[in-house]
Amino acid sequence: MDDNCIFCEIIAGEMAVEKIYEDDEVMAFNDINPQAPAHFLVIPKHHLAGPSEITSADEPLVGKVIHTATHLAKKLGLSNGFRMVINNGEDGGQTVYHFHVHVMGGRRMTWPPG
C-alpha cells in the first residue's frame, strides 16, 4: 500500500466508490468521470505504480486484472464490444500511479476518442 495513492485509499475503505466487483486480489468500480455509458476501472489490491513497474512476478496478478475486466464487461452486457485502456506515465495520460485498466463500452468506441 502506498500512503499517497488514492486507489490504495479506496482499497483500504478510506474512500467510498461504487464497487462492482471485489475479491482478495482485485477490485472494480465505476469511473467517477465516465467517458462512455459504461466506464469502470479494474485494479489490483497490491500497489503497482504502473505498467512500467510490472515484473515477471506480477504477471499472474496482471493477468487476473485483464481477465476480470473482460468477465465484468461481458456480465454488464457489453456484448457488442468494449475498449480497455492502460495508461503509462505522464505522457501516456496516467494520472493515478497505481496500475489500472479502464473498461469502456455501451456505445461505438471511435479513435481518436470523441
PDB file of N, CA and C in Angstrom:
ATOM      1  N   MET A   1       0.843  -1.184   0.000  1.00  0.00           N
ATOM      2  CA  MET A   1       0.000   0.000   0.000  1.00  0.00           C
ATOM      3  C   MET A   1       0.882   1.239   0.000  1.00  0.00           C
ATOM      4  N   ASP A   2       0.478   2.222  -0.788  1.00  0.00           N
ATOM      5  CA  ASP A   2       1.170   3.500  -0.869  1.00  0.00           C
ATOM      6  C   ASP A   2       0.277   4.544  -0.199  1.00  0.00           C
ATOM      7  N   ASP A   3       0.800   5.201   0.834  1.00  0.00           N
ATOM      8  CA  ASP A   3       0.012   6.179   1.593  1.00  0.00           C
ATOM      9  C   ASP A   3      -0.438   7.379   0.766  1.00  0.00           C
ATOM     10  N   ASN A   4       0.193   7.630  -0.376  1.00  0.00           N
ATOM     11  CA  ASN A   4      -0.155   8.775  -1.223  1.00  0.00           C
ATOM     12  C   ASN A   4      -0.994   8.380  -2.429  1.00  0.00           C
ATOM     13  N   CYS A   5      -1.536   7.170  -2.432  1.00  0.00           N
ATOM     14  CA  CYS A   5      -2.250   6.650  -3.605  1.00  0.00           C
ATOM     15  C   CYS A   5      -3.749   6.608  -3.334  1.00  0.00           C
ATOM     16  N   ILE A   6      -4.517   7.298  -4.161  1.00  0.00           N
ATOM     17  CA  ILE A   6      -5.972   7.321  -3.993  1.00  0.00           C
ATOM     18  C   ILE A   6      -6.578   5.933  -4.162  1.00  0.00           C
ATOM     19  N   PHE A   7      -6.035   5.104  -5.051  1.00  0.00           N
ATOM     20  CA  PHE A   7      -6.579   3.758  -5.221  1.00  0.00           C
ATOM     21  C   PHE A   7      -6.277   2.890  -4.003  1.00  0.00           C
ATOM     22  N   CYS A   8      -5.129   3.090  -3.363  1.00  0.00           N
ATOM     23  CA  CYS A   8      -4.836   2.368  -2.122  1.00  0.00           C
ATOM     24  C   CYS A   8      -5.802   2.797  -1.017  1.00  0.00           C
ATOM     25  N   GLU A   9      -6.177   4.068  -1.007  1.00  0.00           N
ATOM     26  CA  GLU A   9      -7.172   4.547  -0.036  1.00  0.00           C
ATOM     27  C   GLU A   9      -8.525   3.885  -0.298  1.00  0.00           C
ATOM     28  N   ILE A  10      -8.891   3.738  -1.565  1.00  0.00           N
ATOM     29  CA  ILE A  10     -10.147   3.072  -1.918  1.00  0.00           C
ATOM     30  C   ILE A  10     -10.106   1.617  -1.456  1.00  0.00           C
ATOM     31  N   ILE A  11      -9.013   0.934  -1.719  1.00  0.00           N
ATOM     32  CA  ILE A  11      -8.862  -0.469  -1.306  1.00  0.00           C
ATOM     33  C   ILE A  11      -8.985  -0.600   0.206  1.00  0.00           C
ATOM     34  N   ALA A  12      -8.404   0.351   0.948  1.00  0.00           N
ATOM     35  CA  ALA A  12      -8.434   0.319   2.411  1.00  0.00           C
ATOM     36  C   ALA A  12      -9.795   0.721   2.981  1.00  0.00           C
ATOM     37  N   GLY A  13     -10.715   1.150   2.121  1.00  0.00           N
ATOM     38  CA  GLY A  13     -12.035   1.557   2.584  1.00  0.00           C
ATOM     39  C   GLY A  13     -12.085   2.976   3.121  1.00  0.00           C
ATOM     40  N   GLU A  14     -11.043   3.749   2.848  1.00  0.00           N
ATOM     41  CA  GLU A  14     -10.974   5.130   3.329  1.00  0.00           C
ATOM     42  C   GLU A  14     -11.697   6.104   2.414  1.00  0.00           C
ATOM     43  N   MET A  15     -12.077   5.649   1.237  1.00  0.00           N
ATOM     44  CA  MET A  15     -12.793   6.482   0.277  1.00  0.00           C
ATOM     45  C   MET A  15     -13.867   5.623  -0.379  1.00  0.00           C
ATOM     46  N   ALA A  16     -15.074   6.138  -0.411  1.00  0.00           N
ATOM     47  CA  ALA A  16     -16.192   5.377  -0.969  1.00  0.00           C
ATOM     48  C   ALA A  16     -16.215   5.452  -2.488  1.00  0.00           C
ATOM     49  N   VAL A  17     -16.496   4.317  -3.112  1.00  0.00           N
ATOM     50  CA  VAL A  17     -16.685   4.234  -4.557  1.00  0.00           C
ATOM     51  C   VAL A  17     -17.858   3.295  -4.812  1.00  0.00           C
ATOM     52  N   GLU A  18     -18.353   3.319  -6.036  1.00  0.00           N
ATOM     53  CA  GLU A  18     -19.420   2.417  -6.442  1.00  0.00           C
ATOM     54  C   GLU A  18     -18.779   1.127  -6.962  1.00  0.00           C
ATOM     55  N   LYS A  19     -18.530   0.189  -6.040  1.00  0.00           N
ATOM     56  CA  LYS A  19     -17.871  -1.071  -6.397  1.00  0.00           C
ATOM     57  C   LYS A  19     -18.801  -1.932  -7.239  1.00  0.00           C
ATOM     58  N   ILE A  20     -18.198  -2.591  -8.221  1.00  0.00           N
ATOM     59  CA  ILE A  20     -18.965  -3.560  -8.998  1.00  0.00           C
ATOM     60  C   ILE A  20     -18.403  -4.972  -8.844  1.00  0.00           C
ATOM     61  N   TYR A  21     -17.190  -5.084  -8.253  1.00  0.00           N
ATOM     62  CA  TYR A  21     -16.605  -6.401  -8.015  1.00  0.00           C
ATOM     63  C   TYR A  21     -15.459  -6.239  -7.024  1.00  0.00           C
ATOM     64  N   GLU A  22     -15.277  -7.277  -6.203  1.00  0.00           N
ATOM     65  CA  GLU A  22     -14.124  -7.299  -5.300  1.00  0.00           C
ATOM     66  C   GLU A  22     -13.862  -8.729  -4.871  1.00  0.00           C
ATOM     67  N   ASP A  23     -12.583  -9.095  -4.853  1.00  0.00           N
ATOM     68  CA  ASP A  23     -12.159 -10.355  -4.252  1.00  0.00           C
ATOM     69  C   ASP A  23     -10.859 -10.075  -3.502  1.00  0.00           C
ATOM     70  N   ASP A  24     -10.112 -11.109  -3.164  1.00  0.00           N
ATOM     71  CA  ASP A  24      -8.896 -10.916  -2.370  1.00  0.00           C
ATOM     72  C   ASP A  24      -7.779 -10.193  -3.118  1.00  0.00           C
ATOM     73  N   GLU A  25      -7.813 -10.214  -4.465  1.00  0.00           N
ATOM     74  CA  GLU A  25      -6.702  -9.676  -5.246  1.00  0.00           C
ATOM     75  C   GLU A  25      -7.029  -8.452  -6.090  1.00  0.00           C
ATOM     76  N   VAL A  26      -8.280  -8.306  -6.508  1.00  0.00           N
ATOM     77  CA  VAL A  26      -8.646  -7.207  -7.407  1.00  0.00           C
ATOM     78  C   VAL A  26      -9.949  -6.547  -6.962  1.00  0.00           C
ATOM     79  N   MET A  27     -10.152  -5.349  -7.471  1.00  0.00           N
ATOM     80  CA  MET A  27     -11.373  -4.602  -7.208  1.00  0.00           C
ATOM     81  C   MET A  27     -11.757  -3.883  -8.493  1.00  0.00           C
ATOM     82  N   ALA A  28     -13.060  -3.730  -8.700  1.00  0.00           N
ATOM     83  CA  ALA A  28     -13.561  -2.978  -9.856  1.00  0.00           C
ATOM     84  C   ALA A  28     -14.619  -2.008  -9.360  1.00  0.00           C
ATOM     85  N   PHE A  29     -14.592  -0.816  -9.940  1.00  0.00           N
ATOM     86  CA  PHE A  29     -15.554   0.210  -9.551  1.00  0.00           C
ATOM     87  C   PHE A  29     -15.776   1.155 -10.716  1.00  0.00           C
ATOM     88  N   ASN A  30     -16.927   1.835 -10.695  1.00  0.00           N
ATOM     89  CA  ASN A  30     -17.257   2.770 -11.761  1.00  0.00           C
ATOM     90  C   ASN A  30     -16.345   3.986 -11.707  1.00  0.00           C
ATOM     91  N   ASP A  31     -15.973   4.469 -12.890  1.00  0.00           N
ATOM     92  CA  ASP A  31     -15.133   5.661 -13.005  1.00  0.00           C
ATOM     93  C   ASP A  31     -15.932   6.883 -12.559  1.00  0.00           C
ATOM     94  N   ILE A  32     -15.294   7.792 -11.825  1.00  0.00           N
ATOM     95  CA  ILE A  32     -16.006   8.986 -11.347  1.00  0.00           C
ATOM     96  C   ILE A  32     -16.215  10.014 -12.455  1.00  0.00           C
ATOM     97  N   ASN A  33     -15.514   9.849 -13.570  1.00  0.00           N
ATOM     98  CA  ASN A  33     -15.650  10.754 -14.714  1.00  0.00           C
ATOM     99  C   ASN A  33     -15.812   9.917 -15.981  1.00  0.00           C
ATOM    100  N   PRO A  34     -16.969   9.255 -16.135  1.00  0.00           N
ATOM    101  CA  PRO A  34     -17.124   8.296 -17.237  1.00  0.00           C
ATOM    102  C   PRO A  34     -17.014   8.940 -18.617  1.00  0.00           C
ATOM    103  N   GLN A  35     -16.351   8.222 -19.512  1.00  0.00           N
ATOM    104  CA  GLN A  35     -16.161   8.659 -20.891  1.00  0.00           C
ATOM    105  C   GLN A  35     -17.019   7.868 -21.862  1.00  0.00           C
ATOM    106  N   ALA A  36     -17.863   6.980 -21.319  1.00  0.00           N
ATOM    107  CA  ALA A  36     -18.774   6.158 -22.122  1.00  0.00           C
ATOM    108  C   ALA A  36     -19.922   5.744 -21.207  1.00  0.00           C
ATOM    109  N   PRO A  37     -21.029   5.252 -21.774  1.00  0.00           N
ATOM    110  CA  PRO A  37     -22.140   4.825 -20.917  1.00  0.00           C
ATOM    111  C   PRO A  37     -21.723   3.817 -19.846  1.00  0.00           C
ATOM    112  N   ALA A  38     -20.830   2.912 -20.188  1.00  0.00           N
ATOM    113  CA  ALA A  38     -20.226   2.006 -19.209  1.00  0.00           C
ATOM    114  C   ALA A  38     -18.745   2.364 -19.141  1.00  0.00           C
ATOM    115  N   HIS A  39     -18.255   2.689 -17.956  1.00  0.00           N
ATOM    116  CA  HIS A  39     -16.838   3.010 -17.789  1.00  0.00           C
ATOM    117  C   HIS A  39     -16.458   2.647 -16.363  1.00  0.00           C
ATOM    118  N   PHE A  40     -15.682   1.579 -16.245  1.00  0.00           N
ATOM    119  CA  PHE A  40     -15.244   1.160 -14.920  1.00  0.00           C
ATOM    120  C   PHE A  40     -13.754   0.865 -14.939  1.00  0.00           C
ATOM    121  N   LEU A  41     -13.184   0.795 -13.746  1.00  0.00           N
ATOM    122  CA  LEU A  41     -11.763   0.514 -13.574  1.00  0.00           C
ATOM    123  C   LEU A  41     -11.604  -0.820 -12.873  1.00  0.00           C
ATOM    124  N   VAL A  42     -10.569  -1.549 -13.230  1.00  0.00           N
ATOM    125  CA  VAL A  42     -10.187  -2.760 -12.513  1.00  0.00           C
ATOM    126  C   VAL A  42      -8.763  -2.545 -12.035  1.00  0.00           C
ATOM    127  N   ILE A  43      -8.555  -2.747 -10.723  1.00  0.00           N
ATOM    128  CA  ILE A  43      -7.249  -2.508 -10.124  1.00  0.00           C
ATOM    129  C   ILE A  43      -6.813  -3.705  -9.290  1.00  0.00           C
ATOM    130  N   PRO A  44      -5.497  -3.936  -9.208  1.00  0.00           N
ATOM    131  CA  PRO A  44      -5.022  -4.939  -8.263  1.00  0.00           C
ATOM    132  C   PRO A  44      -5.004  -4.320  -6.865  1.00  0.00           C
ATOM    133  N   LYS A  45      -5.211  -5.132  -5.859  1.00  0.00           N
ATOM    134  CA  LYS A  45      -5.138  -4.615  -4.493  1.00  0.00           C
ATOM    135  C   LYS A  45      -3.697  -4.416  -4.052  1.00  0.00           C
ATOM    136  N   HIS A  46      -2.785  -5.106  -4.696  1.00  0.00           N
ATOM    137  CA  HIS A  46      -1.350  -4.904  -4.447  1.00  0.00           C
ATOM    138  C   HIS A  46      -0.914  -3.676  -5.241  1.00  0.00           C
ATOM    139  N   HIS A  47      -0.252  -2.734  -4.594  1.00  0.00           N
ATOM    140  CA  HIS A  47       0.154  -1.495  -5.274  1.00  0.00           C
ATOM    141  C   HIS A  47       1.261  -1.770  -6.284  1.00  0.00           C
ATOM    142  N   LEU A  48       0.969  -1.455  -7.527  1.00  0.00           N
ATOM    143  CA  LEU A  48       1.956  -1.406  -8.611  1.00  0.00           C
ATOM    144  C   LEU A  48       1.799  -0.016  -9.201  1.00  0.00           C
ATOM    145  N   ALA A  49       2.869   0.743  -9.286  1.00  0.00           N
ATOM    146  CA  ALA A  49       2.754   2.141  -9.727  1.00  0.00           C
ATOM    147  C   ALA A  49       2.214   2.276 -11.146  1.00  0.00           C
ATOM    148  N   GLY A  50       2.503   1.343 -11.996  1.00  0.00           N
ATOM    149  CA  GLY A  50       2.033   1.412 -13.380  1.00  0.00           C
ATOM    150  C   GLY A  50       2.629   0.295 -14.192  1.00  0.00           C
ATOM    151  N   PRO A  51       2.275   0.216 -15.472  1.00  0.00           N
ATOM    152  CA  PRO A  51       2.778  -0.854 -16.321  1.00  0.00           C
ATOM    153  C   PRO A  51       4.306  -0.971 -16.348  1.00  0.00           C
ATOM    154  N   SER A  52       4.999   0.143 -16.277  1.00  0.00           N
ATOM    155  CA  SER A  52       6.465   0.092 -16.314  1.00  0.00           C
ATOM    156  C   SER A  52       7.071  -0.560 -15.081  1.00  0.00           C
ATOM    157  N   GLU A  53       6.290  -0.697 -14.022  1.00  0.00           N
ATOM    158  CA  GLU A  53       6.781  -1.291 -12.777  1.00  0.00           C
ATOM    159  C   GLU A  53       6.499  -2.792 -12.677  1.00  0.00           C
ATOM    160  N   ILE A  54       5.762  -3.331 -13.630  1.00  0.00           N
ATOM    161  CA  ILE A  54       5.379  -4.738 -13.576  1.00  0.00           C
ATOM    162  C   ILE A  54       6.602  -5.620 -13.818  1.00  0.00           C
ATOM    163  N   THR A  55       6.744  -6.632 -12.980  1.00  0.00           N
ATOM    164  CA  THR A  55       7.818  -7.618 -13.136  1.00  0.00           C
ATOM    165  C   THR A  55       7.200  -8.961 -13.495  1.00  0.00           C
ATOM    166  N   SER A  56       8.031  -9.929 -13.792  1.00  0.00           N
ATOM    167  CA  SER A  56       7.520 -11.264 -14.117  1.00  0.00           C
ATOM    168  C   SER A  56       6.752 -11.854 -12.935  1.00  0.00           C
ATOM    169  N   ALA A  57       7.118 -11.487 -11.723  1.00  0.00           N
ATOM    170  CA  ALA A  57       6.391 -11.980 -10.545  1.00  0.00           C
ATOM    171  C   ALA A  57       4.955 -11.453 -10.497  1.00  0.00           C
ATOM    172  N   ASP A  58       4.705 -10.314 -11.145  1.00  0.00           N
ATOM    173  CA  ASP A  58       3.374  -9.706 -11.152  1.00  0.00           C
ATOM    174  C   ASP A  58       2.473 -10.230 -12.269  1.00  0.00           C
ATOM    175  N   GLU A  59       3.009 -11.033 -13.186  1.00  0.00           N
ATOM    176  CA  GLU A  59       2.243 -11.471 -14.344  1.00  0.00           C
ATOM    177  C   GLU A  59       0.931 -12.169 -13.994  1.00  0.00           C
ATOM    178  N   PRO A  60       0.901 -13.072 -13.001  1.00  0.00           N
ATOM    179  CA  PRO A  60      -0.395 -13.692 -12.681  1.00  0.00           C
ATOM    180  C   PRO A  60      -1.436 -12.668 -12.206  1.00  0.00           C
ATOM    181  N   LEU A  61      -1.036 -11.699 -11.428  1.00  0.00           N
ATOM    182  CA  LEU A  61      -1.965 -10.681 -10.940  1.00  0.00           C
ATOM    183  C   LEU A  61      -2.440  -9.785 -12.081  1.00  0.00           C
ATOM    184  N   VAL A  62      -1.537  -9.381 -12.949  1.00  0.00           N
ATOM    185  CA  VAL A  62      -1.916  -8.548 -14.094  1.00  0.00           C
ATOM    186  C   VAL A  62      -2.855  -9.328 -15.013  1.00  0.00           C
ATOM    187  N   GLY A  63      -2.589 -10.600 -15.200  1.00  0.00           N
ATOM    188  CA  GLY A  63      -3.484 -11.444 -15.985  1.00  0.00           C
ATOM    189  C   GLY A  63      -4.864 -11.521 -15.360  1.00  0.00           C
ATOM    190  N   LYS A  64      -4.918 -11.598 -14.046  1.00  0.00           N
ATOM    191  CA  LYS A  64      -6.212 -11.635 -13.359  1.00  0.00           C
ATOM    192  C   LYS A  64      -6.959 -10.320 -13.541  1.00  0.00           C
ATOM    193  N   VAL A  65      -6.245  -9.197 -13.520  1.00  0.00           N
ATOM    194  CA  VAL A  65      -6.884  -7.892 -13.752  1.00  0.00           C
ATOM    195  C   VAL A  65      -7.535  -7.885 -15.137  1.00  0.00           C
ATOM    196  N   ILE A  66      -6.809  -8.323 -16.155  1.00  0.00           N
ATOM    197  CA  ILE A  66      -7.337  -8.342 -17.531  1.00  0.00           C
ATOM    198  C   ILE A  66      -8.513  -9.319 -17.640  1.00  0.00           C
ATOM    199  N   HIS A  67      -8.373 -10.498 -17.058  1.00  0.00           N
ATOM    200  CA  HIS A  67      -9.444 -11.483 -17.092  1.00  0.00           C
ATOM    201  C   HIS A  67     -10.693 -10.951 -16.390  1.00  0.00           C
ATOM    202  N   THR A  68     -10.516 -10.316 -15.246  1.00  0.00           N
ATOM    203  CA  THR A  68     -11.647  -9.750 -14.508  1.00  0.00           C
ATOM    204  C   THR A  68     -12.321  -8.650 -15.324  1.00  0.00           C
ATOM    205  N   ALA A  69     -11.532  -7.816 -15.968  1.00  0.00           N
ATOM    206  CA  ALA A  69     -12.090  -6.742 -16.794  1.00  0.00           C
ATOM    207  C   ALA A  69     -12.960  -7.323 -17.908  1.00  0.00           C
ATOM    208  N   THR A  70     -12.476  -8.354 -18.565  1.00  0.00           N
ATOM    209  CA  THR A  70     -13.225  -8.988 -19.647  1.00  0.00           C
ATOM    210  C   THR A  70     -14.491  -9.652 -19.125  1.00  0.00           C
ATOM    211  N   HIS A  71     -14.372 -10.379 -18.031  1.00  0.00           N
ATOM    212  CA  HIS A  71     -15.524 -11.053 -17.433  1.00  0.00           C
ATOM    213  C   HIS A  71     -16.606 -10.041 -17.047  1.00  0.00           C
ATOM    214  N   LEU A  72     -16.214  -8.941 -16.407  1.00  0.00           N
ATOM    215  CA  LEU A  72     -17.193  -7.932 -15.990  1.00  0.00           C
ATOM    216  C   LEU A  72     -17.828  -7.232 -17.190  1.00  0.00           C
ATOM    217  N   ALA A  73     -17.044  -6.965 -18.223  1.00  0.00           N
ATOM    218  CA  ALA A  73     -17.608  -6.329 -19.427  1.00  0.00           C
ATOM    219  C   ALA A  73     -18.709  -7.201 -20.007  1.00  0.00           C
ATOM    220  N   LYS A  74     -18.463  -8.497 -20.102  1.00  0.00           N
ATOM    221  CA  LYS A  74     -19.474  -9.418 -20.619  1.00  0.00           C
ATOM    222  C   LYS A  74     -20.680  -9.467 -19.683  1.00  0.00           C
ATOM    223  N   LYS A  75     -20.431  -9.556 -18.382  1.00  0.00           N
ATOM    224  CA  LYS A  75     -21.505  -9.628 -17.394  1.00  0.00           C
ATOM    225  C   LYS A  75     -22.379  -8.378 -17.415  1.00  0.00           C
ATOM    226  N   LEU A  76     -21.776  -7.226 -17.715  1.00  0.00           N
ATOM    227  CA  LEU A  76     -22.507  -5.967 -17.744  1.00  0.00           C
ATOM    228  C   LEU A  76     -23.166  -5.699 -19.099  1.00  0.00           C
ATOM    229  N   GLY A  77     -23.107  -6.686 -19.988  1.00  0.00           N
ATOM    230  CA  GLY A  77     -23.838  -6.592 -21.244  1.00  0.00           C
ATOM    231  C   GLY A  77     -23.128  -5.891 -22.378  1.00  0.00           C
ATOM    232  N   LEU A  78     -21.829  -5.771 -22.308  1.00  0.00           N
ATOM    233  CA  LEU A  78     -21.086  -5.102 -23.390  1.00  0.00           C
ATOM    234  C   LEU A  78     -20.755  -6.117 -24.482  1.00  0.00           C
ATOM    235  N   SER A  79     -21.799  -6.792 -24.981  1.00  0.00           N
ATOM    236  CA  SER A  79     -21.626  -7.898 -25.925  1.00  0.00           C
ATOM    237  C   SER A  79     -21.204  -7.454 -27.315  1.00  0.00           C
ATOM    238  N   ASN A  80     -21.438  -6.188 -27.684  1.00  0.00           N
ATOM    239  CA  ASN A  80     -21.015  -5.696 -28.995  1.00  0.00           C
ATOM    240  C   ASN A  80     -19.563  -5.241 -28.997  1.00  0.00           C
ATOM    241  N   GLY A  81     -18.922  -5.279 -27.844  1.00  0.00           N
ATOM    242  CA  GLY A  81     -17.525  -4.893 -27.743  1.00  0.00           C
ATOM    243  C   GLY A  81     -17.300  -3.843 -26.680  1.00  0.00           C
ATOM    244  N   PHE A  82     -16.050  -3.643 -26.379  1.00  0.00           N
ATOM    245  CA  PHE A  82     -15.648  -2.676 -25.363  1.00  0.00           C
ATOM    246  C   PHE A  82     -14.185  -2.330 -25.592  1.00  0.00           C
ATOM    247  N   ARG A  83     -13.758  -1.281 -24.961  1.00  0.00           N
ATOM    248  CA  ARG A  83     -12.369  -0.840 -25.065  1.00  0.00           C
ATOM    249  C   ARG A  83     -11.716  -0.968 -23.702  1.00  0.00           C
ATOM    250  N   MET A  84     -10.482  -1.487 -23.686  1.00  0.00           N
ATOM    251  CA  MET A  84      -9.652  -1.496 -22.489  1.00  0.00           C
ATOM    252  C   MET A  84      -8.511  -0.529 -22.731  1.00  0.00           C
ATOM    253  N   VAL A  85      -8.246   0.321 -21.739  1.00  0.00           N
ATOM    254  CA  VAL A  85      -7.162   1.291 -21.848  1.00  0.00           C
ATOM    255  C   VAL A  85      -6.283   1.179 -20.611  1.00  0.00           C
ATOM    256  N   ILE A  86      -4.970   1.125 -20.848  1.00  0.00           N
ATOM    257  CA  ILE A  86      -3.986   1.137 -19.774  1.00  0.00           C
ATOM    258  C   ILE A  86      -3.020   2.273 -20.082  1.00  0.00           C
ATOM    259  N   ASN A  87      -3.002   3.291 -19.238  1.00  0.00           N
ATOM    260  CA  ASN A  87      -2.106   4.427 -19.429  1.00  0.00           C
ATOM    261  C   ASN A  87      -0.810   4.196 -18.662  1.00  0.00           C
ATOM    262  N   ASN A  88       0.286   4.714 -19.195  1.00  0.00           N
ATOM    263  CA  ASN A  88       1.586   4.552 -18.551  1.00  0.00           C
ATOM    264  C   ASN A  88       2.354   5.862 -18.575  1.00  0.00           C
ATOM    265  N   GLY A  89       2.599   6.426 -17.420  1.00  0.00           N
ATOM    266  CA  GLY A  89       3.402   7.637 -17.305  1.00  0.00           C
ATOM    267  C   GLY A  89       2.652   8.896 -17.711  1.00  0.00           C
ATOM    268  N   GLU A  90       3.252  10.005 -17.410  1.00  0.00           N
ATOM    269  CA  GLU A  90       2.629  11.311 -17.666  1.00  0.00           C
ATOM    270  C   GLU A  90       2.263  11.505 -19.130  1.00  0.00           C
ATOM    271  N   ASP A  91       3.204  11.239 -20.036  1.00  0.00           N
ATOM    272  CA  ASP A  91       2.918  11.421 -21.459  1.00  0.00           C
ATOM    273  C   ASP A  91       1.890  10.414 -21.977  1.00  0.00           C
ATOM    274  N   GLY A  92       1.720   9.300 -21.270  1.00  0.00           N
ATOM    275  CA  GLY A  92       0.733   8.302 -21.653  1.00  0.00           C
ATOM    276  C   GLY A  92      -0.641   8.571 -21.056  1.00  0.00           C
ATOM    277  N   GLY A  93      -0.773   9.660 -20.301  1.00  0.00           N
ATOM    278  CA  GLY A  93      -2.060  10.033 -19.743  1.00  0.00           C
ATOM    279  C   GLY A  93      -2.364   9.436 -18.382  1.00  0.00           C
ATOM    280  N   GLN A  94      -1.369   8.828 -17.743  1.00  0.00           N
ATOM    281  CA  GLN A  94      -1.605   8.246 -16.428  1.00  0.00           C
ATOM    282  C   GLN A  94      -1.696   9.355 -15.391  1.00  0.00           C
ATOM    283  N   THR A  95      -2.800   9.387 -14.650  1.00  0.00           N
ATOM    284  CA  THR A  95      -2.973  10.413 -13.613  1.00  0.00           C
ATOM    285  C   THR A  95      -2.965   9.822 -12.218  1.00  0.00           C
ATOM    286  N   VAL A  96      -3.267   8.532 -12.094  1.00  0.00           N
ATOM    287  CA  VAL A  96      -3.165   7.845 -10.806  1.00  0.00           C
ATOM    288  C   VAL A  96      -2.100   6.780 -10.966  1.00  0.00           C
ATOM    289  N   TYR A  97      -1.070   6.850 -10.142  1.00  0.00           N
ATOM    290  CA  TYR A  97       0.072   5.948 -10.280  1.00  0.00           C
ATOM    291  C   TYR A  97      -0.121   4.677  -9.454  1.00  0.00           C
ATOM    292  N   HIS A  98      -1.156   3.941  -9.882  1.00  0.00           N
ATOM    293  CA  HIS A  98      -1.481   2.604  -9.382  1.00  0.00           C
ATOM    294  C   HIS A  98      -2.024   1.895 -10.619  1.00  0.00           C
ATOM    295  N   PHE A  99      -1.392   0.807 -11.017  1.00  0.00           N
ATOM    296  CA  PHE A  99      -1.799   0.098 -12.229  1.00  0.00           C
ATOM    297  C   PHE A  99      -3.309  -0.100 -12.242  1.00  0.00           C
ATOM    298  N   HIS A 100      -3.939   0.226 -13.370  1.00  0.00           N
ATOM    299  CA  HIS A 100      -5.379   0.031 -13.516  1.00  0.00           C
ATOM    300  C   HIS A 100      -5.752  -0.065 -14.983  1.00  0.00           C
ATOM    301  N   VAL A 101      -6.865  -0.732 -15.213  1.00  0.00           N
ATOM    302  CA  VAL A 101      -7.403  -0.899 -16.559  1.00  0.00           C
ATOM    303  C   VAL A 101      -8.748  -0.191 -16.611  1.00  0.00           C
ATOM    304  N   HIS A 102      -8.895   0.698 -17.582  1.00  0.00           N
ATOM    305  CA  HIS A 102     -10.191   1.317 -17.863  1.00  0.00           C
ATOM    306  C   HIS A 102     -10.929   0.397 -18.822  1.00  0.00           C
ATOM    307  N   VAL A 103     -12.207   0.150 -18.559  1.00  0.00           N
ATOM    308  CA  VAL A 103     -13.056  -0.603 -19.481  1.00  0.00           C
ATOM    309  C   VAL A 103     -14.211   0.321 -19.843  1.00  0.00           C
ATOM    310  N   MET A 104     -14.368   0.557 -21.152  1.00  0.00           N
ATOM    311  CA  MET A 104     -15.407   1.473 -21.630  1.00  0.00           C
ATOM    312  C   MET A 104     -16.217   0.800 -22.731  1.00  0.00           C
ATOM    313  N   GLY A 105     -17.516   1.038 -22.697  1.00  0.00           N
ATOM    314  CA  GLY A 105     -18.379   0.477 -23.725  1.00  0.00           C
ATOM    315  C   GLY A 105     -19.782   1.042 -23.604  1.00  0.00           C
ATOM    316  N   GLY A 106     -20.690   0.396 -24.315  1.00  0.00           N
ATOM    317  CA  GLY A 106     -22.069   0.853 -24.322  1.00  0.00           C
ATOM    318  C   GLY A 106     -22.358   1.804 -25.459  1.00  0.00           C
ATOM    319  N   ARG A 107     -21.373   2.063 -26.279  1.00  0.00           N
ATOM    320  CA  ARG A 107     -21.518   2.850 -27.498  1.00  0.00           C
ATOM    321  C   ARG A 107     -20.358   2.478 -28.400  1.00  0.00           C
ATOM    322  N   ARG A 108     -20.416   2.907 -29.654  1.00  0.00           N
ATOM    323  CA  ARG A 108     -19.317   2.645 -30.578  1.00  0.00           C
ATOM    324  C   ARG A 108     -18.111   3.467 -30.130  1.00  0.00           C
ATOM    325  N   MET A 109     -17.006   2.800 -29.909  1.00  0.00           N
ATOM    326  CA  MET A 109     -15.785   3.452 -29.446  1.00  0.00           C
ATOM    327  C   MET A 109     -14.940   3.827 -30.664  1.00  0.00           C
ATOM    328  N   THR A 110     -14.854   5.102 -30.955  1.00  0.00           N
ATOM    329  CA  THR A 110     -14.095   5.574 -32.116  1.00  0.00           C
ATOM    330  C   THR A 110     -12.686   5.960 -31.716  1.00  0.00           C
ATOM    331  N   TRP A 111     -11.827   6.076 -32.713  1.00  0.00           N
ATOM    332  CA  TRP A 111     -10.462   6.556 -32.485  1.00  0.00           C
ATOM    333  C   TRP A 111     -10.152   7.599 -33.520  1.00  0.00           C
ATOM    334  N   PRO A 112      -9.646   8.751 -33.179  1.00  0.00           N
ATOM    335  CA  PRO A 112      -9.416   9.172 -31.797  1.00  0.00           C
ATOM    336  C   PRO A 112     -10.723   9.353 -31.057  1.00  0.00           C
ATOM    337  N   PRO A 113     -10.641   9.289 -29.705  1.00  0.00           N
ATOM    338  CA  PRO A 113     -11.869   9.405 -28.901  1.00  0.00           C
ATOM    339  C   PRO A 113     -12.616  10.692 -29.215  1.00  0.00           C
ATOM    340  N   GLY A 114     -13.912  10.628 -29.093  1.00  0.00           N
ATOM    341  CA  GLY A 114     -14.698  11.834 -29.302  1.00  0.00           C
ATOM    342  C   GLY A 114     -16.123  11.552 -29.598  1.00  0.00           C
TER     343      GLY A 114
END
